[in-house]
Amino acid sequence: MELKEALQTALDFEQKGHDIYGEAAERTSNPIVKKTFNYLAGEEIHHIKEIKEFIATESPDVELKGDRLEGVKKFFTTTVREFKEKTELSDDDLKAHETALELEKSSYDFYEEQFGGAGDEQTKKFFKFLMEQENAHYALIQKAYHYAQDPTAFYSEEEGWLAEGG
């Protein structure tokens, strides 16, 4: 796949993610789901801008500003501290999490394939960055889903993840 075509596909993935996350945040009454999906929609905007800049300048020297796993952990830890009680997940919330996990995995797989086929180090760096972003988002969605289902069980099973993110 040519680089421009790959970048357009990446742009499509990120736009789709933004739309899905924005819609999920709008539809839910669950405060954790709302905050998590609004956060993810905002992250997708960063990716869209970076990919567009990469396309427009034809230069891989784009400033990459997205969150790394550490930032996602910090966001999650702060969020769960706000909401101590168990919150109910609707069928729409469950479906939104499943869709989000599928999207992040598909995006990661695509970026990994492009990383492997990249011809220069800067392009590899760009796709590796996008892979890291998708991986961090996947972890956030999984943690938020698990927490929203049963905060007590989450705390006992995931205590290290929360302590690291603080």
Protein backbone atom coordinates (compact mmCIF):
# COMPACT_ATOMS: atom_id res chain seq x y z
CA MET A 1 0.00 0.00 0.00
CA GLU A 2 1.32 3.43 -0.91
CA LEU A 3 2.07 5.79 1.98
CA LYS A 4 -0.61 8.34 0.97
CA GLU A 5 -3.23 5.59 0.77
CA ALA A 6 -2.13 4.20 4.14
CA LEU A 7 -2.34 7.66 5.72
CA GLN A 8 -5.82 8.19 4.25
CA THR A 9 -6.90 4.85 5.71
CA ALA A 10 -5.39 5.89 9.06
CA LEU A 11 -7.31 9.15 8.85
CA ASP A 12 -10.51 7.21 8.18
CA PHE A 13 -9.87 4.96 11.21
CA GLU A 14 -9.33 7.95 13.48
CA GLN A 15 -12.41 9.79 12.17
CA LYS A 16 -14.52 6.68 12.66
CA GLY A 17 -13.17 6.38 16.22
CA HIS A 18 -13.98 10.02 16.94
CA ASP A 19 -17.53 9.56 15.66
CA ILE A 20 -18.13 6.32 17.57
CA TYR A 21 -16.72 7.70 20.82
CA GLY A 22 -18.59 10.98 20.52
CA GLU A 23 -21.88 9.20 19.86
CA ALA A 24 -21.32 6.77 22.75
CA ALA A 25 -20.58 9.65 25.13
CA GLU A 26 -23.70 11.48 23.97
CA ARG A 27 -26.02 8.47 24.35
CA THR A 28 -24.93 7.19 27.75
CA SER A 29 -26.18 8.21 31.16
CA ASN A 30 -23.25 6.43 32.83
CA PRO A 31 -20.77 9.09 34.02
CA ILE A 32 -17.71 6.85 33.66
CA VAL A 33 -18.64 5.83 30.13
CA LYS A 34 -19.40 9.45 29.22
CA LYS A 35 -16.09 10.76 30.54
CA THR A 36 -14.06 7.91 29.03
CA PHE A 37 -15.57 8.20 25.57
CA ASN A 38 -15.34 12.00 25.56
CA TYR A 39 -11.66 11.63 26.45
CA LEU A 40 -11.12 9.12 23.64
CA ALA A 41 -12.97 11.33 21.12
CA GLY A 42 -10.61 14.16 22.04
CA GLU A 43 -7.58 11.92 21.55
CA GLU A 44 -8.83 10.97 18.10
CA ILE A 45 -8.92 14.68 17.19
CA HIS A 46 -5.19 14.88 18.03
CA HIS A 47 -4.50 11.91 15.76
CA ILE A 48 -6.56 13.36 12.93
CA LYS A 49 -4.63 16.65 13.09
CA GLU A 50 -1.27 14.86 13.16
CA ILE A 51 -2.14 12.60 10.22
CA LYS A 52 -3.45 15.57 8.21
CA GLU A 53 -0.24 17.47 8.95
CA PHE A 54 1.81 14.45 7.89
CA ILE A 55 -0.17 14.26 4.62
CA ALA A 56 -0.07 18.03 3.94
CA THR A 57 3.62 18.56 4.56
CA GLU A 58 4.77 15.25 3.13
CA SER A 59 7.19 15.35 6.02
CA PRO A 60 7.30 12.82 8.82
CA ASP A 61 8.63 15.49 11.21
CA VAL A 62 5.18 15.97 12.76
CA GLU A 63 4.97 16.77 16.45
CA LEU A 64 3.32 13.72 18.01
CA LYS A 65 1.25 14.83 21.00
CA GLY A 66 -1.01 11.92 21.88
CA ASP A 67 -1.24 10.22 25.23
CA ARG A 68 1.02 7.33 26.10
CA LEU A 69 -0.01 4.49 28.40
CA GLU A 70 1.14 6.48 31.44
CA GLY A 71 -1.17 9.36 30.54
CA VAL A 72 -4.08 7.01 29.99
CA LYS A 73 -3.45 5.41 33.38
CA LYS A 74 -3.45 8.83 35.02
CA PHE A 75 -6.72 9.77 33.30
CA PHE A 76 -8.33 6.50 34.38
CA THR A 77 -7.14 6.75 37.98
CA THR A 78 -8.46 10.29 38.28
CA THR A 79 -11.78 9.26 36.73
CA VAL A 80 -12.39 6.26 38.97
CA ARG A 81 -11.62 8.32 42.05
CA GLU A 82 -14.49 10.61 41.04
CA PHE A 83 -16.98 7.74 40.84
CA LYS A 84 -16.81 5.43 43.83
CA GLU A 85 -20.13 3.64 43.44
CA LYS A 86 -21.07 0.88 41.04
CA THR A 87 -22.65 2.29 37.93
CA GLU A 88 -24.94 0.35 35.65
CA LEU A 89 -23.97 -0.30 32.07
CA SER A 90 -26.80 -0.30 29.55
CA ASP A 91 -26.84 -2.61 26.55
CA ASP A 92 -25.73 0.40 24.47
CA ASP A 93 -22.78 0.96 26.83
CA LEU A 94 -21.75 -2.69 26.52
CA LYS A 95 -22.01 -2.54 22.73
CA ALA A 96 -20.04 0.73 22.65
CA HIS A 97 -17.20 -0.87 24.61
CA GLU A 98 -17.18 -3.93 22.34
CA THR A 99 -17.19 -1.75 19.21
CA ALA A 100 -14.44 0.45 20.63
CA LEU A 101 -12.25 -2.55 21.44
CA GLU A 102 -12.72 -3.92 17.92
CA LEU A 103 -11.89 -0.54 16.37
CA GLU A 104 -8.74 -0.06 18.46
CA LYS A 105 -7.55 -3.58 17.62
CA SER A 106 -8.22 -3.13 13.89
CA SER A 107 -6.43 0.22 13.92
CA TYR A 108 -3.46 -1.25 15.79
CA ASP A 109 -3.21 -4.17 13.34
CA PHE A 110 -3.31 -1.80 10.37
CA TYR A 111 -0.65 0.50 11.85
CA GLU A 112 1.52 -2.50 12.68
CA GLU A 113 1.31 -3.68 9.07
CA GLN A 114 2.22 -0.19 7.80
CA PHE A 115 5.09 0.03 10.31
CA GLY A 116 6.50 -3.23 8.94
CA GLY A 117 6.33 -1.99 5.37
CA ALA A 118 7.57 1.56 5.97
CA GLY A 119 10.59 2.52 3.90
CA ASP A 120 12.18 5.10 6.18
CA GLU A 121 12.73 5.56 9.90
CA GLN A 122 10.54 8.67 10.28
CA THR A 123 7.55 6.91 8.73
CA LYS A 124 8.21 3.90 10.97
CA LYS A 125 8.32 6.26 13.95
CA PHE A 126 4.96 7.77 12.95
CA PHE A 127 3.22 4.38 12.64
CA LYS A 128 4.85 3.13 15.85
CA PHE A 129 3.43 6.19 17.62
CA LEU A 130 -0.04 5.39 16.28
CA MET A 131 0.36 1.77 17.41
CA GLU A 132 1.22 2.95 20.92
CA GLN A 133 -1.84 5.20 20.93
CA GLU A 134 -4.19 2.39 19.93
CA ASN A 135 -2.64 0.06 22.49
CA ALA A 136 -3.11 2.64 25.27
CA HIS A 137 -6.71 3.29 24.22
CA TYR A 138 -7.46 -0.43 24.11
CA ALA A 139 -6.15 -0.78 27.67
CA LEU A 140 -8.24 2.19 28.83
CA ILE A 141 -11.43 0.82 27.30
CA GLN A 142 -10.85 -2.60 28.89
CA LYS A 143 -10.17 -1.08 32.31
CA ALA A 144 -13.14 1.27 32.16
CA TYR A 145 -15.42 -1.57 31.13
CA HIS A 146 -14.18 -3.84 33.92
CA TYR A 147 -14.40 -1.06 36.52
CA ALA A 148 -17.91 0.03 35.54
CA GLN A 149 -19.16 -3.54 35.82
CA ASP A 150 -17.85 -4.12 39.36
CA PRO A 151 -15.63 -1.52 41.06
CA THR A 152 -15.01 -3.68 44.14
CA ALA A 153 -13.70 -6.61 42.11
CA PHE A 154 -11.74 -4.21 39.94
CA TYR A 155 -9.92 -2.69 42.92
CA SER A 156 -8.96 -6.06 44.33
CA GLU A 157 -7.76 -7.42 40.98
CA GLU A 158 -6.21 -4.28 39.46
CA GLU A 159 -4.75 -2.42 42.40
CA GLY A 160 -1.29 -2.21 40.82
CA TRP A 161 -2.64 -0.53 37.68
CA LEU A 162 -4.30 2.20 39.73
CA ALA A 163 -1.26 2.73 41.94
CA GLU A 164 0.99 3.09 38.87
CA GLY A 165 -1.32 5.66 37.26
CA GLY A 166 -1.52 7.94 40.29
